Amino acid sequence: MNKKVIVLIADGFEDVEAVTPIDYLRRAAIDVTTVSISQQTVTGRWGEIKLITDTTLAKITNCTDWDAVILPGGMPCAESLAASKEVSKLIKEMAAARKLVCAICASPAIVLAPLGILAGKNFTCYPGLEEKVKDGIWSDANVVIDGNIITSRAAGTSGHFAIAIIEQLLDKETAEKIAKAVLL
């Protein structure tokens, strides 16, 4: 059975942080579904890249059918994700079901921390935002895995973030194969 992943996207997403995991996971034959929290066309942080998502969050019914959720950063994307009650519900349900919850850049601090997802967990995020997380254990590593939580720092670590997700969902061999293929 193929692994299934949701990538939640809102306007203002950091382009590389969304597109890199989508691309790398699809190269690993993981079923990736892009999901907007509102309209299906979303615009990246710099206003130049537009993505047409596969669906909207309103059409997702059973989040535990998915193996992972990925939250790119960028502003106002992270703030919009954090403000969505539906996103909060999905993340809490997936975390409780021990599914992978993966966030990069601003999203660990802005989206996950207020939900208590980082409480007592090792994490990383965009430099300076760790100050918003009062109950987690910050690391300056590019990618941090603590149980079912995977966090990463910024656009420049997106490739390593995606490879870590592949390794957790599939295996080290597949992750290394994809990393080698993209010259990471």
N, C-alpha and C. Protein backbone atom coordinates (compact mmCIF):
# COMPACT_ATOMS: atom_id res chain seq x y z
N MET A 1 0.84 -1.19 0.00
CA MET A 1 0.00 0.00 0.00
C MET A 1 0.88 1.25 0.00
N ASN A 2 0.61 2.17 -0.90
CA ASN A 2 1.38 3.42 -0.97
C ASN A 2 1.12 4.30 0.23
N LYS A 3 2.15 5.01 0.64
CA LYS A 3 2.02 5.99 1.71
C LYS A 3 1.32 7.23 1.15
N LYS A 4 0.52 7.87 2.00
CA LYS A 4 -0.26 9.04 1.58
C LYS A 4 0.07 10.23 2.47
N VAL A 5 0.31 11.36 1.81
CA VAL A 5 0.72 12.57 2.52
C VAL A 5 -0.14 13.75 2.07
N ILE A 6 -0.50 14.59 3.03
CA ILE A 6 -1.19 15.85 2.75
C ILE A 6 -0.16 16.97 2.91
N VAL A 7 -0.10 17.89 1.95
CA VAL A 7 0.69 19.10 2.09
C VAL A 7 -0.31 20.25 2.17
N LEU A 8 -0.39 20.89 3.34
CA LEU A 8 -1.32 22.00 3.55
C LEU A 8 -0.69 23.29 3.07
N ILE A 9 -1.40 24.03 2.23
CA ILE A 9 -0.84 25.23 1.63
C ILE A 9 -1.83 26.38 1.75
N ALA A 10 -1.32 27.55 2.08
CA ALA A 10 -2.12 28.78 2.11
C ALA A 10 -1.32 29.87 1.40
N ASP A 11 -2.02 30.92 1.01
CA ASP A 11 -1.34 32.05 0.36
C ASP A 11 -0.16 32.51 1.20
N GLY A 12 0.92 32.87 0.51
CA GLY A 12 2.12 33.34 1.18
C GLY A 12 3.07 32.22 1.55
N PHE A 13 2.81 30.99 1.03
CA PHE A 13 3.71 29.87 1.34
C PHE A 13 5.10 30.15 0.79
N GLU A 14 6.11 29.66 1.49
CA GLU A 14 7.49 29.76 1.01
C GLU A 14 7.63 28.74 -0.12
N ASP A 15 7.90 29.23 -1.33
CA ASP A 15 7.87 28.42 -2.54
C ASP A 15 8.66 27.12 -2.43
N VAL A 16 9.92 27.21 -2.07
CA VAL A 16 10.80 26.04 -2.02
C VAL A 16 10.35 25.06 -0.94
N GLU A 17 9.85 25.56 0.18
CA GLU A 17 9.44 24.70 1.29
C GLU A 17 8.20 23.88 0.95
N ALA A 18 7.41 24.32 0.01
CA ALA A 18 6.24 23.55 -0.43
C ALA A 18 6.61 22.64 -1.60
N VAL A 19 7.26 23.20 -2.61
CA VAL A 19 7.51 22.46 -3.84
C VAL A 19 8.55 21.34 -3.67
N THR A 20 9.59 21.58 -2.90
CA THR A 20 10.64 20.56 -2.73
C THR A 20 10.09 19.27 -2.11
N PRO A 21 9.39 19.32 -0.98
CA PRO A 21 8.83 18.08 -0.45
C PRO A 21 7.84 17.42 -1.41
N ILE A 22 7.01 18.20 -2.06
CA ILE A 22 6.06 17.63 -3.02
C ILE A 22 6.83 16.85 -4.09
N ASP A 23 7.84 17.47 -4.68
CA ASP A 23 8.62 16.84 -5.74
C ASP A 23 9.37 15.61 -5.25
N TYR A 24 10.12 15.72 -4.17
CA TYR A 24 10.93 14.61 -3.69
C TYR A 24 10.06 13.43 -3.28
N LEU A 25 8.96 13.69 -2.57
CA LEU A 25 8.09 12.60 -2.14
C LEU A 25 7.45 11.90 -3.34
N ARG A 26 7.08 12.65 -4.34
CA ARG A 26 6.51 12.03 -5.54
C ARG A 26 7.56 11.20 -6.27
N ARG A 27 8.81 11.64 -6.27
CA ARG A 27 9.90 10.84 -6.86
C ARG A 27 10.04 9.50 -6.14
N ALA A 28 9.70 9.48 -4.85
CA ALA A 28 9.78 8.27 -4.04
C ALA A 28 8.50 7.44 -4.12
N ALA A 29 7.60 7.80 -5.03
CA ALA A 29 6.33 7.10 -5.25
C ALA A 29 5.39 7.19 -4.05
N ILE A 30 5.50 8.28 -3.31
CA ILE A 30 4.57 8.56 -2.22
C ILE A 30 3.41 9.36 -2.80
N ASP A 31 2.20 9.01 -2.42
CA ASP A 31 0.99 9.69 -2.90
C ASP A 31 0.85 11.02 -2.17
N VAL A 32 1.13 12.11 -2.87
CA VAL A 32 1.08 13.45 -2.28
C VAL A 32 -0.18 14.16 -2.76
N THR A 33 -0.96 14.67 -1.81
CA THR A 33 -2.14 15.46 -2.12
C THR A 33 -1.93 16.86 -1.59
N THR A 34 -1.97 17.85 -2.48
CA THR A 34 -1.83 19.24 -2.06
C THR A 34 -3.22 19.75 -1.68
N VAL A 35 -3.28 20.41 -0.54
CA VAL A 35 -4.56 20.82 0.02
C VAL A 35 -4.48 22.29 0.44
N SER A 36 -5.37 23.10 -0.12
CA SER A 36 -5.46 24.50 0.28
C SER A 36 -6.47 24.64 1.41
N ILE A 37 -6.25 25.62 2.26
CA ILE A 37 -7.21 25.82 3.34
C ILE A 37 -8.41 26.63 2.88
N SER A 38 -8.36 27.15 1.66
CA SER A 38 -9.52 27.91 1.14
C SER A 38 -9.67 27.64 -0.35
N GLN A 39 -9.30 28.58 -1.20
CA GLN A 39 -9.43 28.42 -2.65
C GLN A 39 -8.34 27.51 -3.19
N GLN A 40 -8.59 26.84 -4.31
CA GLN A 40 -7.63 25.88 -4.84
C GLN A 40 -6.38 26.50 -5.44
N THR A 41 -6.42 27.75 -5.86
CA THR A 41 -5.22 28.42 -6.38
C THR A 41 -4.62 29.26 -5.27
N VAL A 42 -3.37 28.94 -4.93
CA VAL A 42 -2.67 29.68 -3.88
C VAL A 42 -1.41 30.32 -4.46
N THR A 43 -1.04 31.44 -3.90
CA THR A 43 0.10 32.21 -4.39
C THR A 43 1.24 32.16 -3.39
N GLY A 44 2.43 31.93 -3.90
CA GLY A 44 3.62 31.86 -3.06
C GLY A 44 3.98 33.20 -2.44
N ARG A 45 4.93 33.15 -1.56
CA ARG A 45 5.35 34.32 -0.78
C ARG A 45 5.76 35.51 -1.64
N TRP A 46 6.40 35.24 -2.75
CA TRP A 46 6.93 36.32 -3.57
C TRP A 46 5.96 36.76 -4.66
N GLY A 47 4.79 36.14 -4.73
CA GLY A 47 3.75 36.55 -5.66
C GLY A 47 3.92 36.05 -7.08
N GLU A 48 5.00 35.33 -7.36
CA GLU A 48 5.30 34.89 -8.73
C GLU A 48 4.83 33.47 -9.02
N ILE A 49 4.83 32.62 -8.00
CA ILE A 49 4.46 31.22 -8.20
C ILE A 49 3.06 30.99 -7.68
N LYS A 50 2.23 30.39 -8.52
CA LYS A 50 0.88 30.01 -8.13
C LYS A 50 0.76 28.51 -8.25
N LEU A 51 0.17 27.88 -7.25
CA LEU A 51 -0.08 26.44 -7.28
C LEU A 51 -1.58 26.21 -7.31
N ILE A 52 -1.97 25.26 -8.12
CA ILE A 52 -3.36 24.81 -8.10
C ILE A 52 -3.37 23.52 -7.31
N THR A 53 -3.94 23.55 -6.13
CA THR A 53 -3.92 22.39 -5.26
C THR A 53 -4.88 21.31 -5.76
N ASP A 54 -4.65 20.10 -5.28
CA ASP A 54 -5.50 18.99 -5.67
C ASP A 54 -6.92 19.12 -5.12
N THR A 55 -7.03 19.72 -3.94
CA THR A 55 -8.33 19.86 -3.30
C THR A 55 -8.25 20.94 -2.23
N THR A 56 -9.35 21.10 -1.52
CA THR A 56 -9.38 22.04 -0.40
C THR A 56 -9.62 21.25 0.89
N LEU A 57 -9.28 21.86 2.00
CA LEU A 57 -9.40 21.20 3.29
C LEU A 57 -10.85 20.82 3.60
N ALA A 58 -11.79 21.61 3.12
CA ALA A 58 -13.20 21.31 3.36
C ALA A 58 -13.62 19.96 2.78
N LYS A 59 -12.89 19.47 1.79
CA LYS A 59 -13.24 18.20 1.14
C LYS A 59 -12.51 17.00 1.75
N ILE A 60 -11.64 17.22 2.72
CA ILE A 60 -10.93 16.13 3.40
C ILE A 60 -11.81 15.66 4.56
N THR A 61 -12.14 14.37 4.56
CA THR A 61 -13.07 13.89 5.59
C THR A 61 -12.40 13.10 6.71
N ASN A 62 -11.49 12.20 6.39
CA ASN A 62 -10.89 11.36 7.42
C ASN A 62 -9.38 11.50 7.38
N CYS A 63 -8.85 12.32 8.25
CA CYS A 63 -7.42 12.61 8.19
C CYS A 63 -6.56 11.43 8.61
N THR A 64 -7.11 10.49 9.35
CA THR A 64 -6.28 9.37 9.77
C THR A 64 -6.04 8.36 8.64
N ASP A 65 -6.65 8.59 7.48
CA ASP A 65 -6.34 7.79 6.29
C ASP A 65 -4.97 8.16 5.73
N TRP A 66 -4.41 9.29 6.17
CA TRP A 66 -3.15 9.81 5.67
C TRP A 66 -2.03 9.38 6.61
N ASP A 67 -0.83 9.25 6.05
CA ASP A 67 0.33 8.85 6.85
C ASP A 67 1.12 10.03 7.39
N ALA A 68 0.96 11.20 6.76
CA ALA A 68 1.72 12.38 7.20
C ALA A 68 1.03 13.65 6.71
N VAL A 69 1.31 14.72 7.43
CA VAL A 69 0.90 16.06 7.01
C VAL A 69 2.16 16.91 6.99
N ILE A 70 2.30 17.74 5.95
CA ILE A 70 3.45 18.63 5.81
C ILE A 70 2.96 20.07 5.79
N LEU A 71 3.62 20.91 6.59
CA LEU A 71 3.27 22.32 6.69
C LEU A 71 4.46 23.17 6.26
N PRO A 72 4.41 23.76 5.05
CA PRO A 72 5.49 24.68 4.68
C PRO A 72 5.39 25.96 5.50
N GLY A 73 6.46 26.73 5.49
CA GLY A 73 6.44 28.01 6.19
C GLY A 73 6.13 29.14 5.23
N GLY A 74 6.66 30.29 5.56
CA GLY A 74 6.35 31.50 4.81
C GLY A 74 5.23 32.25 5.49
N MET A 75 5.25 33.54 5.32
CA MET A 75 4.19 34.38 5.88
C MET A 75 3.45 35.04 4.74
N PRO A 76 2.17 35.09 4.76
CA PRO A 76 1.32 34.74 5.90
C PRO A 76 0.84 33.30 5.94
N CYS A 77 1.42 32.41 5.16
CA CYS A 77 0.99 31.01 5.13
C CYS A 77 0.90 30.41 6.53
N ALA A 78 1.99 30.47 7.29
CA ALA A 78 1.99 29.86 8.63
C ALA A 78 0.92 30.46 9.52
N GLU A 79 0.74 31.77 9.44
CA GLU A 79 -0.29 32.43 10.25
C GLU A 79 -1.68 31.99 9.83
N SER A 80 -1.90 31.83 8.54
CA SER A 80 -3.21 31.37 8.05
C SER A 80 -3.48 29.93 8.47
N LEU A 81 -2.46 29.08 8.39
CA LEU A 81 -2.63 27.70 8.85
C LEU A 81 -2.96 27.68 10.34
N ALA A 82 -2.25 28.48 11.12
CA ALA A 82 -2.47 28.53 12.57
C ALA A 82 -3.86 29.04 12.92
N ALA A 83 -4.39 29.94 12.12
CA ALA A 83 -5.70 30.54 12.40
C ALA A 83 -6.86 29.62 12.01
N SER A 84 -6.60 28.58 11.25
CA SER A 84 -7.65 27.69 10.77
C SER A 84 -8.00 26.62 11.81
N LYS A 85 -9.25 26.62 12.25
CA LYS A 85 -9.71 25.60 13.20
C LYS A 85 -9.66 24.21 12.57
N GLU A 86 -9.90 24.15 11.26
CA GLU A 86 -9.87 22.86 10.56
C GLU A 86 -8.45 22.31 10.51
N VAL A 87 -7.47 23.18 10.27
CA VAL A 87 -6.07 22.76 10.27
C VAL A 87 -5.69 22.27 11.66
N SER A 88 -6.06 23.02 12.68
CA SER A 88 -5.74 22.62 14.06
C SER A 88 -6.33 21.25 14.38
N LYS A 89 -7.57 21.04 14.00
CA LYS A 89 -8.24 19.75 14.25
C LYS A 89 -7.50 18.62 13.53
N LEU A 90 -7.16 18.83 12.26
CA LEU A 90 -6.46 17.82 11.47
C LEU A 90 -5.12 17.47 12.11
N ILE A 91 -4.34 18.48 12.47
CA ILE A 91 -3.01 18.25 13.05
C ILE A 91 -3.13 17.51 14.37
N LYS A 92 -4.05 17.91 15.23
CA LYS A 92 -4.22 17.24 16.53
C LYS A 92 -4.62 15.78 16.34
N GLU A 93 -5.53 15.53 15.41
CA GLU A 93 -5.97 14.15 15.16
C GLU A 93 -4.83 13.30 14.60
N MET A 94 -4.07 13.86 13.69
CA MET A 94 -2.96 13.11 13.12
C MET A 94 -1.88 12.84 14.16
N ALA A 95 -1.58 13.82 14.97
CA ALA A 95 -0.58 13.63 16.03
C ALA A 95 -1.05 12.57 17.02
N ALA A 96 -2.32 12.61 17.40
CA ALA A 96 -2.86 11.63 18.34
C ALA A 96 -2.84 10.22 17.76
N ALA A 97 -2.99 10.12 16.43
CA ALA A 97 -2.98 8.82 15.76
C ALA A 97 -1.54 8.38 15.44
N ARG A 98 -0.55 9.14 15.90
CA ARG A 98 0.88 8.85 15.70
C ARG A 98 1.29 8.91 14.23
N LYS A 99 0.58 9.71 13.44
CA LYS A 99 0.96 9.96 12.06
C LYS A 99 2.09 10.99 12.08
N LEU A 100 2.86 11.09 11.00
CA LEU A 100 3.93 12.08 10.94
C LEU A 100 3.34 13.49 10.81
N VAL A 101 3.85 14.39 11.63
CA VAL A 101 3.49 15.80 11.55
C VAL A 101 4.80 16.53 11.25
N CYS A 102 4.87 17.13 10.05
CA CYS A 102 6.12 17.69 9.54
C CYS A 102 5.93 19.18 9.26
N ALA A 103 6.81 20.00 9.83
CA ALA A 103 6.68 21.45 9.66
C ALA A 103 8.06 22.07 9.49
N ILE A 104 8.12 23.10 8.65
CA ILE A 104 9.39 23.76 8.34
C ILE A 104 9.27 25.27 8.51
N CYS A 105 10.38 25.90 8.83
CA CYS A 105 10.53 27.35 8.89
C CYS A 105 9.70 27.95 10.02
N ALA A 106 8.71 28.77 9.71
CA ALA A 106 7.88 29.40 10.73
C ALA A 106 6.84 28.44 11.30
N SER A 107 6.46 27.43 10.54
CA SER A 107 5.33 26.58 10.95
C SER A 107 5.53 25.81 12.26
N PRO A 108 6.72 25.33 12.60
CA PRO A 108 6.82 24.69 13.92
C PRO A 108 6.42 25.63 15.06
N ALA A 109 6.93 26.85 15.03
CA ALA A 109 6.66 27.81 16.11
C ALA A 109 5.26 28.42 16.01
N ILE A 110 4.83 28.74 14.80
CA ILE A 110 3.56 29.46 14.62
C ILE A 110 2.36 28.53 14.61
N VAL A 111 2.51 27.33 14.04
CA VAL A 111 1.37 26.41 13.92
C VAL A 111 1.40 25.31 14.98
N LEU A 112 2.51 24.60 15.10
CA LEU A 112 2.55 23.44 16.00
C LEU A 112 2.61 23.80 17.48
N ALA A 113 3.44 24.76 17.85
CA ALA A 113 3.64 25.09 19.27
C ALA A 113 2.34 25.48 19.97
N PRO A 114 1.52 26.36 19.40
CA PRO A 114 0.28 26.74 20.10
C PRO A 114 -0.69 25.56 20.31
N LEU A 115 -0.52 24.49 19.52
CA LEU A 115 -1.39 23.31 19.67
C LEU A 115 -0.84 22.33 20.70
N GLY A 116 0.34 22.63 21.25
CA GLY A 116 0.96 21.76 22.23
C GLY A 116 1.71 20.59 21.61
N ILE A 117 1.85 20.59 20.30
CA ILE A 117 2.50 19.49 19.58
C ILE A 117 3.99 19.40 19.90
N LEU A 118 4.61 20.53 20.23
CA LEU A 118 6.06 20.55 20.51
C LEU A 118 6.39 20.42 22.00
N ALA A 119 5.38 20.30 22.84
CA ALA A 119 5.61 20.22 24.29
C ALA A 119 6.51 19.02 24.62
N GLY A 120 7.65 19.30 25.23
CA GLY A 120 8.59 18.26 25.61
C GLY A 120 9.33 17.62 24.45
N LYS A 121 9.15 18.15 23.25
CA LYS A 121 9.77 17.58 22.04
C LYS A 121 10.98 18.39 21.61
N ASN A 122 11.93 17.71 20.98
CA ASN A 122 13.04 18.38 20.31
C ASN A 122 12.51 18.91 18.99
N PHE A 123 12.92 20.12 18.63
CA PHE A 123 12.43 20.73 17.39
C PHE A 123 13.43 21.75 16.89
N THR A 124 13.23 22.17 15.65
CA THR A 124 13.95 23.31 15.09
C THR A 124 12.94 24.15 14.32
N CYS A 125 13.36 25.34 13.95
CA CYS A 125 12.49 26.25 13.19
C CYS A 125 13.35 27.38 12.65
N TYR A 126 12.73 28.35 12.00
CA TYR A 126 13.46 29.49 11.48
C TYR A 126 14.13 30.22 12.65
N PRO A 127 15.40 30.59 12.51
CA PRO A 127 16.13 31.23 13.62
C PRO A 127 15.41 32.45 14.18
N GLY A 128 15.29 32.47 15.49
CA GLY A 128 14.62 33.55 16.21
C GLY A 128 13.20 33.19 16.63
N LEU A 129 12.53 32.35 15.84
CA LEU A 129 11.15 31.97 16.17
C LEU A 129 11.09 30.96 17.31
N GLU A 130 12.21 30.33 17.63
CA GLU A 130 12.22 29.37 18.74
C GLU A 130 11.82 30.04 20.06
N GLU A 131 11.99 31.37 20.13
CA GLU A 131 11.62 32.10 21.34
C GLU A 131 10.12 32.06 21.60
N LYS A 132 9.32 31.76 20.58
CA LYS A 132 7.87 31.65 20.74
C LYS A 132 7.46 30.30 21.33
N VAL A 133 8.38 29.35 21.37
CA VAL A 133 8.06 28.00 21.84
C VAL A 133 8.58 27.85 23.27
N LYS A 134 7.69 27.86 24.22
CA LYS A 134 8.08 27.85 25.63
C LYS A 134 8.25 26.45 26.21
N ASP A 135 7.67 25.43 25.57
CA ASP A 135 7.67 24.11 26.19
C ASP A 135 8.36 23.03 25.35
N GLY A 136 9.10 23.45 24.29
CA GLY A 136 9.83 22.50 23.47
C GLY A 136 11.33 22.65 23.71
N ILE A 137 12.10 21.76 23.11
CA ILE A 137 13.56 21.77 23.27
C ILE A 137 14.17 22.09 21.90
N TRP A 138 14.63 23.32 21.74
CA TRP A 138 15.11 23.81 20.45
C TRP A 138 16.50 23.28 20.12
N SER A 139 16.72 23.03 18.84
CA SER A 139 18.02 22.62 18.31
C SER A 139 18.31 23.45 17.08
N ASP A 140 19.58 23.73 16.83
CA ASP A 140 19.92 24.46 15.61
C ASP A 140 20.25 23.52 14.45
N ALA A 141 19.92 22.24 14.59
CA ALA A 141 20.11 21.27 13.50
C ALA A 141 19.20 21.63 12.33
N ASN A 142 19.61 21.23 11.13
CA ASN A 142 18.79 21.52 9.95
C ASN A 142 17.46 20.78 9.95
N VAL A 143 17.45 19.56 10.45
CA VAL A 143 16.24 18.75 10.55
C VAL A 143 16.28 18.06 11.91
N VAL A 144 15.14 18.05 12.59
CA VAL A 144 15.03 17.38 13.88
C VAL A 144 13.84 16.42 13.82
N ILE A 145 14.10 15.18 14.22
CA ILE A 145 13.04 14.17 14.29
C ILE A 145 12.89 13.78 15.75
N ASP A 146 11.68 13.89 16.27
CA ASP A 146 11.39 13.46 17.64
C ASP A 146 10.07 12.69 17.59
N GLY A 147 10.17 11.38 17.61
CA GLY A 147 8.97 10.55 17.49
C GLY A 147 8.33 10.76 16.14
N ASN A 148 7.08 11.17 16.15
CA ASN A 148 6.36 11.39 14.89
C ASN A 148 6.39 12.85 14.43
N ILE A 149 7.24 13.66 15.04
CA ILE A 149 7.34 15.08 14.67
C ILE A 149 8.66 15.31 13.94
N ILE A 150 8.56 15.91 12.74
CA ILE A 150 9.75 16.27 11.97
C ILE A 150 9.70 17.77 11.73
N THR A 151 10.76 18.47 12.12
CA THR A 151 10.82 19.92 11.90
C THR A 151 12.11 20.27 11.17
N SER A 152 12.07 21.42 10.49
CA SER A 152 13.25 21.89 9.76
C SER A 152 13.28 23.40 9.79
N ARG A 153 14.41 23.98 9.34
CA ARG A 153 14.69 25.40 9.58
C ARG A 153 14.17 26.38 8.56
N ALA A 154 14.40 26.12 7.24
CA ALA A 154 14.08 27.16 6.26
C ALA A 154 14.21 26.61 4.85
N ALA A 155 14.03 27.48 3.88
CA ALA A 155 14.07 27.09 2.46
C ALA A 155 15.33 26.30 2.12
N GLY A 156 16.46 26.71 2.66
CA GLY A 156 17.72 26.05 2.37
C GLY A 156 17.85 24.64 2.92
N THR A 157 16.97 24.26 3.82
CA THR A 157 16.99 22.90 4.39
C THR A 157 15.85 22.05 3.85
N SER A 158 15.11 22.56 2.88
CA SER A 158 13.93 21.85 2.35
C SER A 158 14.26 20.47 1.80
N GLY A 159 15.39 20.33 1.11
CA GLY A 159 15.77 19.04 0.56
C GLY A 159 16.00 18.01 1.64
N HIS A 160 16.73 18.40 2.67
CA HIS A 160 17.02 17.49 3.79
C HIS A 160 15.74 17.15 4.55
N PHE A 161 14.85 18.12 4.68
CA PHE A 161 13.54 17.92 5.30
C PHE A 161 12.76 16.85 4.54
N ALA A 162 12.69 16.99 3.22
CA ALA A 162 11.96 16.04 2.39
C ALA A 162 12.56 14.64 2.48
N ILE A 163 13.89 14.56 2.47
CA ILE A 163 14.56 13.25 2.55
C ILE A 163 14.28 12.59 3.90
N ALA A 164 14.25 13.38 4.98
CA ALA A 164 13.94 12.84 6.31
C ALA A 164 12.52 12.27 6.34
N ILE A 165 11.60 12.95 5.69
CA ILE A 165 10.22 12.47 5.64
C ILE A 165 10.15 11.15 4.86
N ILE A 166 10.84 11.09 3.74
CA ILE A 166 10.87 9.85 2.94
C ILE A 166 11.43 8.70 3.77
N GLU A 167 12.51 8.96 4.48
CA GLU A 167 13.12 7.90 5.28
C GLU A 167 12.16 7.39 6.36
N GLN A 168 11.44 8.30 6.99
CA GLN A 168 10.50 7.91 8.04
C GLN A 168 9.29 7.17 7.47
N LEU A 169 8.82 7.59 6.30
CA LEU A 169 7.65 6.95 5.69
C LEU A 169 7.99 5.62 5.02
N LEU A 170 9.16 5.55 4.39
CA LEU A 170 9.53 4.36 3.63
C LEU A 170 10.72 3.67 4.27
N ASP A 171 11.93 4.07 3.86
CA ASP A 171 13.13 3.46 4.41
C ASP A 171 14.35 4.30 4.02
N LYS A 172 15.46 4.01 4.67
CA LYS A 172 16.70 4.76 4.44
C LYS A 172 17.20 4.59 3.01
N GLU A 173 17.10 3.38 2.47
CA GLU A 173 17.57 3.10 1.11
C GLU A 173 16.87 3.98 0.07
N THR A 174 15.56 4.08 0.17
CA THR A 174 14.80 4.92 -0.78
C THR A 174 15.17 6.39 -0.60
N ALA A 175 15.29 6.82 0.65
CA ALA A 175 15.66 8.21 0.92
C ALA A 175 17.03 8.53 0.32
N GLU A 176 18.00 7.64 0.51
CA GLU A 176 19.34 7.85 -0.05
C GLU A 176 19.31 7.85 -1.58
N LYS A 177 18.50 7.01 -2.17
CA LYS A 177 18.37 6.94 -3.62
C LYS A 177 17.85 8.27 -4.18
N ILE A 178 16.84 8.84 -3.54
CA ILE A 178 16.29 10.13 -3.99
C ILE A 178 17.32 11.24 -3.77
N ALA A 179 17.97 11.26 -2.62
CA ALA A 179 19.00 12.27 -2.34
C ALA A 179 20.11 12.23 -3.39
N LYS A 180 20.53 11.02 -3.74
CA LYS A 180 21.57 10.87 -4.75
C LYS A 180 21.08 11.34 -6.13
N ALA A 181 19.86 11.00 -6.47
CA ALA A 181 19.29 11.36 -7.78
C ALA A 181 19.19 12.87 -7.97
N VAL A 182 18.94 13.60 -6.88
CA VAL A 182 18.82 15.06 -6.99
C VAL A 182 20.11 15.78 -6.62
N LEU A 183 21.17 14.99 -6.36
CA LEU A 183 22.49 15.53 -6.01
C LEU A 183 22.46 16.34 -4.73
N LEU A 184 21.67 15.89 -3.76
CA LEU A 184 21.57 16.59 -2.48
C LEU A 184 22.81 16.32 -1.65
